[in-house]
Protein backbone atom coordinates (compact mmCIF):
# COMPACT_ATOMS: atom_id res chain seq x y z
CA UNK A 1 0.05 -0.01 0.25
CA UNK A 2 2.52 2.54 0.74
CA UNK A 3 4.64 1.43 -2.67
CA UNK A 4 1.18 3.13 -4.03
CA UNK A 5 1.32 6.25 -2.35
CA UNK A 6 3.45 9.31 -3.14
CA UNK A 7 4.81 10.32 0.25
CA UNK A 8 2.73 13.43 -0.48
CA UNK A 9 -0.26 12.08 0.01
CA UNK A 10 -1.01 12.04 -3.86
CA UNK A 11 -1.20 8.90 -6.01
CA UNK A 12 2.49 7.48 -7.55
CA UNK A 13 2.48 7.47 -11.48
CA UNK A 14 2.50 4.23 -13.02
CA UNK A 15 3.05 3.34 -16.30
CA UNK A 16 -0.54 3.01 -17.70
CA UNK A 17 -1.46 6.16 -15.59
CA UNK A 18 0.17 9.58 -17.00
CA UNK A 19 -0.14 12.75 -15.45
CA UNK A 20 -2.84 15.40 -16.00
CA UNK A 21 -0.36 17.41 -18.36
CA UNK A 22 0.78 14.76 -20.75
CA UNK A 23 -3.27 13.69 -20.95
CA UNK A 24 -3.69 16.62 -22.35
CA UNK A 25 -0.91 17.20 -24.65
CA UNK A 26 -1.00 13.23 -25.29
CA UNK A 27 2.45 12.66 -24.98
CA UNK A 28 4.24 10.04 -23.17
CA UNK A 29 4.66 9.85 -19.42
CA UNK A 30 7.40 8.05 -17.87
CA UNK A 31 5.49 7.78 -14.81
CA UNK A 32 7.62 9.45 -12.38
CA UNK A 33 6.47 12.30 -9.55
CA UNK A 34 7.15 14.81 -11.13
CA UNK A 35 7.47 13.60 -14.64
CA UNK A 36 10.32 14.64 -16.55
CA UNK A 37 8.16 16.43 -19.47
CA UNK A 38 6.50 18.61 -16.50
CA UNK A 39 10.33 18.84 -15.10
CA UNK A 40 11.10 20.36 -18.62
CA UNK A 41 8.31 22.52 -19.02
CA UNK A 42 8.44 23.70 -15.32
CA UNK A 43 4.55 22.92 -14.72
CA UNK A 44 3.26 21.33 -11.66
CA UNK A 45 3.07 17.44 -12.03
CA UNK A 46 -0.81 16.42 -11.43
CA UNK A 47 -1.56 12.74 -11.17
CA UNK A 48 -4.14 12.15 -13.62
CA UNK A 49 -7.35 10.03 -13.18
CA UNK A 50 -7.76 6.80 -14.85
CA UNK A 51 -11.40 6.89 -16.92
CA UNK A 52 -13.70 4.10 -16.78
CA UNK A 53 -14.85 2.91 -20.40
CA UNK A 54 -17.92 4.10 -21.00
CA UNK A 55 -20.96 2.12 -21.49
CA UNK A 56 -23.47 4.51 -22.43
CA UNK A 57 -21.99 5.34 -26.06
CA UNK A 58 -21.56 1.46 -27.07
CA UNK A 59 -25.29 0.40 -25.42
CA UNK A 60 -26.89 3.61 -27.75
CA UNK A 61 -24.94 2.14 -30.49
CA UNK A 62 -26.40 -1.18 -30.21
CA UNK A 63 -29.94 0.03 -29.48
CA UNK A 64 -29.72 1.85 -32.56
CA UNK A 65 -28.46 -0.76 -34.96
CA UNK A 66 -31.17 -3.23 -33.56
CA UNK A 67 -33.88 -0.13 -34.33
CA UNK A 68 -32.43 -0.27 -37.85
CA UNK A 69 -32.48 -3.90 -37.94
CA UNK A 70 -36.62 -3.83 -37.24
CA UNK A 71 -36.98 -1.40 -39.62
CA UNK A 72 -35.57 -3.11 -42.33
CA UNK A 73 -37.65 -6.53 -41.44
CA UNK A 74 -40.61 -4.21 -41.54
CA UNK A 75 -39.93 -2.67 -45.12
CA UNK A 76 -39.20 -6.16 -46.23
CA UNK A 77 -42.59 -7.73 -44.76
CA UNK A 78 -44.26 -4.59 -46.50
CA UNK A 79 -42.39 -5.45 -49.78
CA UNK A 80 -43.98 -9.23 -49.52
CA UNK A 81 -47.33 -7.81 -49.17
CA UNK A 82 -46.47 -5.72 -52.28
CA UNK A 83 -45.50 -9.31 -54.31
CA UNK A 84 -48.52 -10.85 -52.52
CA UNK A 85 -51.15 -8.53 -54.38
CA UNK A 86 -49.49 -8.61 -57.73
CA UNK A 87 -47.48 -5.54 -57.46
CA UNK A 88 -43.63 -5.51 -59.06
CA UNK A 89 -40.96 -4.44 -56.50
CA UNK A 90 -38.35 -3.03 -58.75
CA UNK A 91 -34.96 -4.26 -58.23
CA UNK A 92 -31.92 -2.01 -57.00
CA UNK A 93 -30.83 0.04 -59.99
CA UNK A 94 -26.92 0.78 -59.59
CA UNK A 95 -26.58 4.39 -57.91
CA UNK A 96 -29.97 3.70 -56.10
CA UNK A 97 -29.61 3.77 -52.67
CA UNK A 98 -30.62 0.19 -50.78
CA UNK A 99 -33.48 0.40 -48.31
CA UNK A 100 -30.88 -0.29 -45.24
CA UNK A 101 -28.68 2.32 -46.35
CA UNK A 102 -31.58 4.73 -45.90
CA UNK A 103 -32.54 3.55 -42.76
CA UNK A 104 -29.27 3.25 -41.37
CA UNK A 105 -27.70 7.05 -39.92
CA UNK A 106 -26.06 8.73 -42.88
CA UNK A 107 -22.82 10.32 -42.77
CA UNK A 108 -22.98 12.73 -45.57
CA UNK A 109 -22.59 16.21 -44.70
CA UNK A 110 -25.45 18.66 -43.58
CA UNK A 111 -27.83 20.35 -46.67
CA UNK A 112 -28.83 22.54 -44.67
CA UNK A 113 -27.77 26.66 -44.80
CA UNK A 114 -28.29 29.44 -42.09
CA UNK A 115 -30.02 32.39 -43.83
CA UNK A 116 -29.34 35.92 -41.91
CA UNK A 117 -31.77 38.63 -42.08
CA UNK A 118 -32.28 41.78 -40.14
CA UNK A 119 -35.22 40.92 -38.21
CA UNK A 120 -34.39 36.79 -37.54
CA UNK A 121 -32.42 33.74 -39.24
CA UNK A 122 -33.98 30.98 -40.53
CA UNK A 123 -32.35 27.44 -41.16
CA UNK A 124 -33.29 25.87 -44.54
CA UNK A 125 -32.31 22.32 -44.75
CA UNK A 126 -33.77 21.78 -47.81
CA UNK A 127 -31.38 21.83 -51.04
CA UNK A 128 -34.32 23.25 -53.22
CA UNK A 129 -34.91 26.05 -50.81
CA UNK A 130 -31.20 26.48 -50.32
CA UNK A 131 -30.37 26.84 -54.12
CA UNK A 132 -33.51 29.19 -54.09
CA UNK A 133 -32.19 31.54 -51.02
CA UNK A 134 -28.74 31.81 -52.84
CA UNK A 135 -30.41 32.84 -56.56
CA UNK A 136 -32.66 35.38 -54.44
CA UNK A 137 -30.84 38.75 -53.48
CA UNK A 138 -34.00 40.28 -52.10
CA UNK A 139 -33.51 40.11 -48.31
CA UNK A 140 -37.12 40.37 -48.01
CA UNK A 141 -38.36 37.35 -50.01
CA UNK A 142 -37.52 35.37 -46.27
CA UNK A 143 -37.43 38.19 -44.10
CA UNK A 144 -39.01 38.05 -40.79
CA UNK A 145 -40.92 41.29 -40.40
CA UNK A 146 -42.94 40.21 -43.49
CA UNK A 147 -44.08 37.16 -41.78
CA UNK A 148 -45.24 39.06 -38.60
CA UNK A 149 -47.16 41.62 -40.60
CA UNK A 150 -48.70 38.51 -42.54
CA UNK A 151 -49.23 37.19 -39.23
CA UNK A 152 -51.41 40.87 -38.20
CA UNK A 153 -53.24 40.26 -41.03
CA UNK A 154 -54.52 36.91 -40.52
CA UNK A 155 -54.77 35.58 -37.41
CA UNK A 156 -54.53 31.89 -36.47
CA UNK A 157 -58.51 31.96 -35.88
CA UNK A 158 -58.95 32.32 -39.77
CA UNK A 159 -56.64 30.58 -41.65
CA UNK A 160 -55.51 30.93 -45.14
CA UNK A 161 -57.49 28.42 -47.40
CA UNK A 162 -57.88 28.25 -51.56
CA UNK A 163 -59.92 25.38 -51.13
CA UNK A 164 -62.86 25.63 -49.09
CA UNK A 165 -62.76 25.01 -45.15
CA UNK A 166 -59.85 25.77 -43.56
CA UNK A 167 -60.45 24.21 -40.54
CA UNK A 168 -58.45 20.58 -39.85
CA UNK A 169 -60.48 17.57 -40.11
CA UNK A 170 -59.30 14.07 -39.85
CA UNK A 171 -58.98 12.39 -43.19
CA UNK A 172 -57.84 8.25 -42.04
CA UNK A 173 -61.59 7.36 -42.68
CA UNK A 174 -61.00 8.55 -46.78
CA UNK A 175 -57.61 6.68 -47.14
CA UNK A 176 -58.32 3.36 -49.39
CA UNK A 177 -57.33 -0.33 -47.61
CA UNK A 178 -54.20 -1.41 -47.90
CA UNK A 179 -53.89 -3.42 -51.02
CA UNK A 180 -56.04 -0.88 -52.88
CA UNK A 181 -53.81 2.04 -51.67
CA UNK A 182 -50.80 -0.56 -53.25
CA UNK A 183 -52.63 -0.89 -56.41
CA UNK A 184 -52.65 2.97 -56.89
CA UNK A 185 -49.29 3.07 -56.05
CA UNK A 186 -48.43 0.74 -58.95
CA UNK A 187 -51.29 2.40 -61.10
CA UNK A 188 -49.21 6.07 -60.19
CA UNK A 189 -45.80 4.67 -60.89
CA UNK A 190 -46.52 2.75 -64.51
CA UNK A 191 -49.05 6.15 -65.91
CA UNK A 192 -47.66 8.93 -63.85
CA UNK A 193 -44.49 9.02 -62.73
CA UNK A 194 -42.51 8.52 -66.09
CA UNK A 195 -44.41 12.18 -67.33
CA UNK A 196 -44.53 14.16 -63.71
CA UNK A 197 -41.27 13.85 -62.43
CA UNK A 198 -41.68 14.87 -58.80
CA UNK A 199 -40.47 11.85 -56.64
CA UNK A 200 -37.91 9.74 -56.59
CA UNK A 201 -39.41 6.68 -57.05
CA UNK A 202 -37.11 4.71 -54.61
CA UNK A 203 -37.70 7.21 -51.77
CA UNK A 204 -41.29 7.71 -52.37
CA UNK A 205 -42.50 3.90 -52.37
CA UNK A 206 -40.50 3.26 -48.56
CA UNK A 207 -42.76 6.25 -47.70
CA UNK A 208 -46.15 4.59 -49.26
CA UNK A 209 -44.82 1.74 -47.00
CA UNK A 210 -44.50 2.87 -43.81
CA UNK A 211 -48.00 5.27 -44.41
CA UNK A 212 -49.85 1.92 -45.32
CA UNK A 213 -48.29 0.17 -42.47
CA UNK A 214 -49.69 2.93 -39.90
CA UNK A 215 -51.68 5.38 -41.67
CA UNK A 216 -53.28 6.93 -38.63
CA UNK A 217 -49.76 8.38 -37.55
CA UNK A 218 -48.70 9.94 -40.85
CA UNK A 219 -47.30 13.22 -40.80
CA UNK A 220 -50.25 16.16 -42.67
CA UNK A 221 -46.98 16.61 -45.72
CA UNK A 222 -47.04 13.05 -45.82
CA UNK A 223 -51.08 12.66 -46.03
CA UNK A 224 -51.31 15.20 -48.34
CA UNK A 225 -48.80 13.34 -50.75
CA UNK A 226 -50.62 10.24 -50.54
CA UNK A 227 -54.25 11.60 -51.34
CA UNK A 228 -52.40 13.69 -54.47
CA UNK A 229 -51.00 10.41 -55.85
CA UNK A 230 -54.38 8.57 -55.45
CA UNK A 231 -55.92 11.12 -57.16
CA UNK A 232 -53.15 11.36 -59.92
CA UNK A 233 -53.38 7.75 -60.72
CA UNK A 234 -57.07 7.47 -60.75
CA UNK A 235 -57.24 10.69 -63.30
CA UNK A 236 -54.31 8.59 -65.19
CA UNK A 237 -56.42 4.97 -65.70
CA UNK A 238 -59.99 4.48 -67.04
CA UNK A 239 -63.47 3.35 -65.55
CA UNK A 240 -63.03 -0.18 -65.97
CA UNK A 241 -59.66 -0.55 -64.15
CA UNK A 242 -61.16 1.70 -61.07
CA UNK A 243 -64.23 -0.97 -60.77
CA UNK A 244 -62.12 -3.90 -61.77
CA UNK A 245 -58.94 -2.82 -58.81
CA UNK A 246 -60.76 -0.88 -56.82
CA UNK A 247 -64.55 -1.61 -56.72
CA UNK A 248 -65.48 2.22 -57.26
CA UNK A 249 -66.66 3.94 -60.10
CA UNK A 250 -64.12 6.29 -61.32
CA UNK A 251 -66.08 9.38 -61.20
CA UNK A 252 -66.82 8.23 -57.46
CA UNK A 253 -63.24 7.96 -56.35
CA UNK A 254 -62.20 11.17 -58.49
CA UNK A 255 -64.68 13.42 -56.24
CA UNK A 256 -63.64 11.09 -53.15
CA UNK A 257 -59.72 11.46 -53.43
CA UNK A 258 -59.56 15.26 -54.97
CA UNK A 259 -62.05 16.52 -51.98
CA UNK A 260 -59.19 14.70 -49.50
CA UNK A 261 -56.24 16.41 -51.46
CA UNK A 262 -57.45 19.90 -50.52
CA UNK A 263 -58.55 19.23 -47.32
CA UNK A 264 -55.26 17.15 -46.87
CA UNK A 265 -53.39 20.64 -48.11
CA UNK A 266 -55.19 22.59 -45.58
CA UNK A 267 -54.36 20.45 -42.93
CA UNK A 268 -50.65 20.80 -43.80
CA UNK A 269 -51.03 24.74 -44.42
CA UNK A 270 -49.55 24.61 -47.91
CA UNK A 271 -50.37 28.29 -47.82
CA UNK A 272 -47.41 28.84 -45.19
CA UNK A 273 -45.81 26.01 -45.47
CA UNK A 274 -41.99 25.94 -46.64
CA UNK A 275 -42.27 22.14 -46.70
CA UNK A 276 -41.14 20.58 -49.86
CA UNK A 277 -43.25 17.20 -49.37
CA UNK A 278 -46.24 19.40 -48.60
CA UNK A 279 -45.07 21.42 -52.48
CA UNK A 280 -44.69 18.45 -53.80
CA UNK A 281 -48.23 17.28 -53.21
CA UNK A 282 -49.61 20.62 -54.04
CA UNK A 283 -47.55 20.86 -57.51
CA UNK A 284 -48.40 17.07 -58.41
CA UNK A 285 -52.45 18.02 -57.64
CA UNK A 286 -52.42 21.10 -59.71
CA UNK A 287 -50.72 19.77 -62.97
CA UNK A 288 -51.68 16.27 -63.10
CA UNK A 289 -54.78 16.63 -64.52
CA UNK A 290 -53.59 18.80 -67.48
CA UNK A 291 -50.72 16.88 -68.13
CA UNK A 292 -52.20 13.68 -68.44
CA UNK A 293 -54.77 15.53 -70.81
CA UNK A 294 -52.17 16.81 -73.05
CA UNK A 295 -50.25 13.37 -72.89
């Protein structure tokens, strides 16, 4: 016991126990008291503390890996459900991100940008909005005081809308059952996606699979995308296909999904939103009928 203590009451520095100064400077410590490095630099030699390896970081890493594996299994089950209903799941294409890579944390650098204006700042995380802000030189485009004046003119009790009633309405009951949802998605891929290129098909297919598994918990922007896809799919097909695959007339489906799309956009506050998913849903709803008619 006496050998492990310094005469002054401090613990002796061992070969594997560097002093505090050598630990901070990341240099080799000779284990003396004081050590040669501290004597040479004329600084106080304080024994360092041996730190126990942290278990929290390893446990968190294992938990994240387990969660990713669960999501991968869930995605595979959804893909099997698609195949069981006769819907072809595209194989991975060269250069496409695999489903596992999409679910694992990305090490890519963030694409966001902090836009600083005179009255405040806003973090824009989507590359499209970032590029737009670089092109526009007028600081009033994203200026916070403009939004403040807008909010004064339009109080929260009177939400904006171009599509009738702007109050929030629950649309869960208007979604088609999962088999019909998959059929609509396949119709969209075959008829609309080659003409209207708004989405990355692999990423959107993953979103559709996740949403079909739990429609009650999808975000408002995702719900707007789904109803816009339903509407575009029905618009692109004929009466016979609607009756055979979906069990309803084309007119009834268009009426239901069109009204639901407009309400979903209202729920997502599309007139105020900068969410790219909400704006994609709005664009798809507005351009699909005319585009499909021309083609």
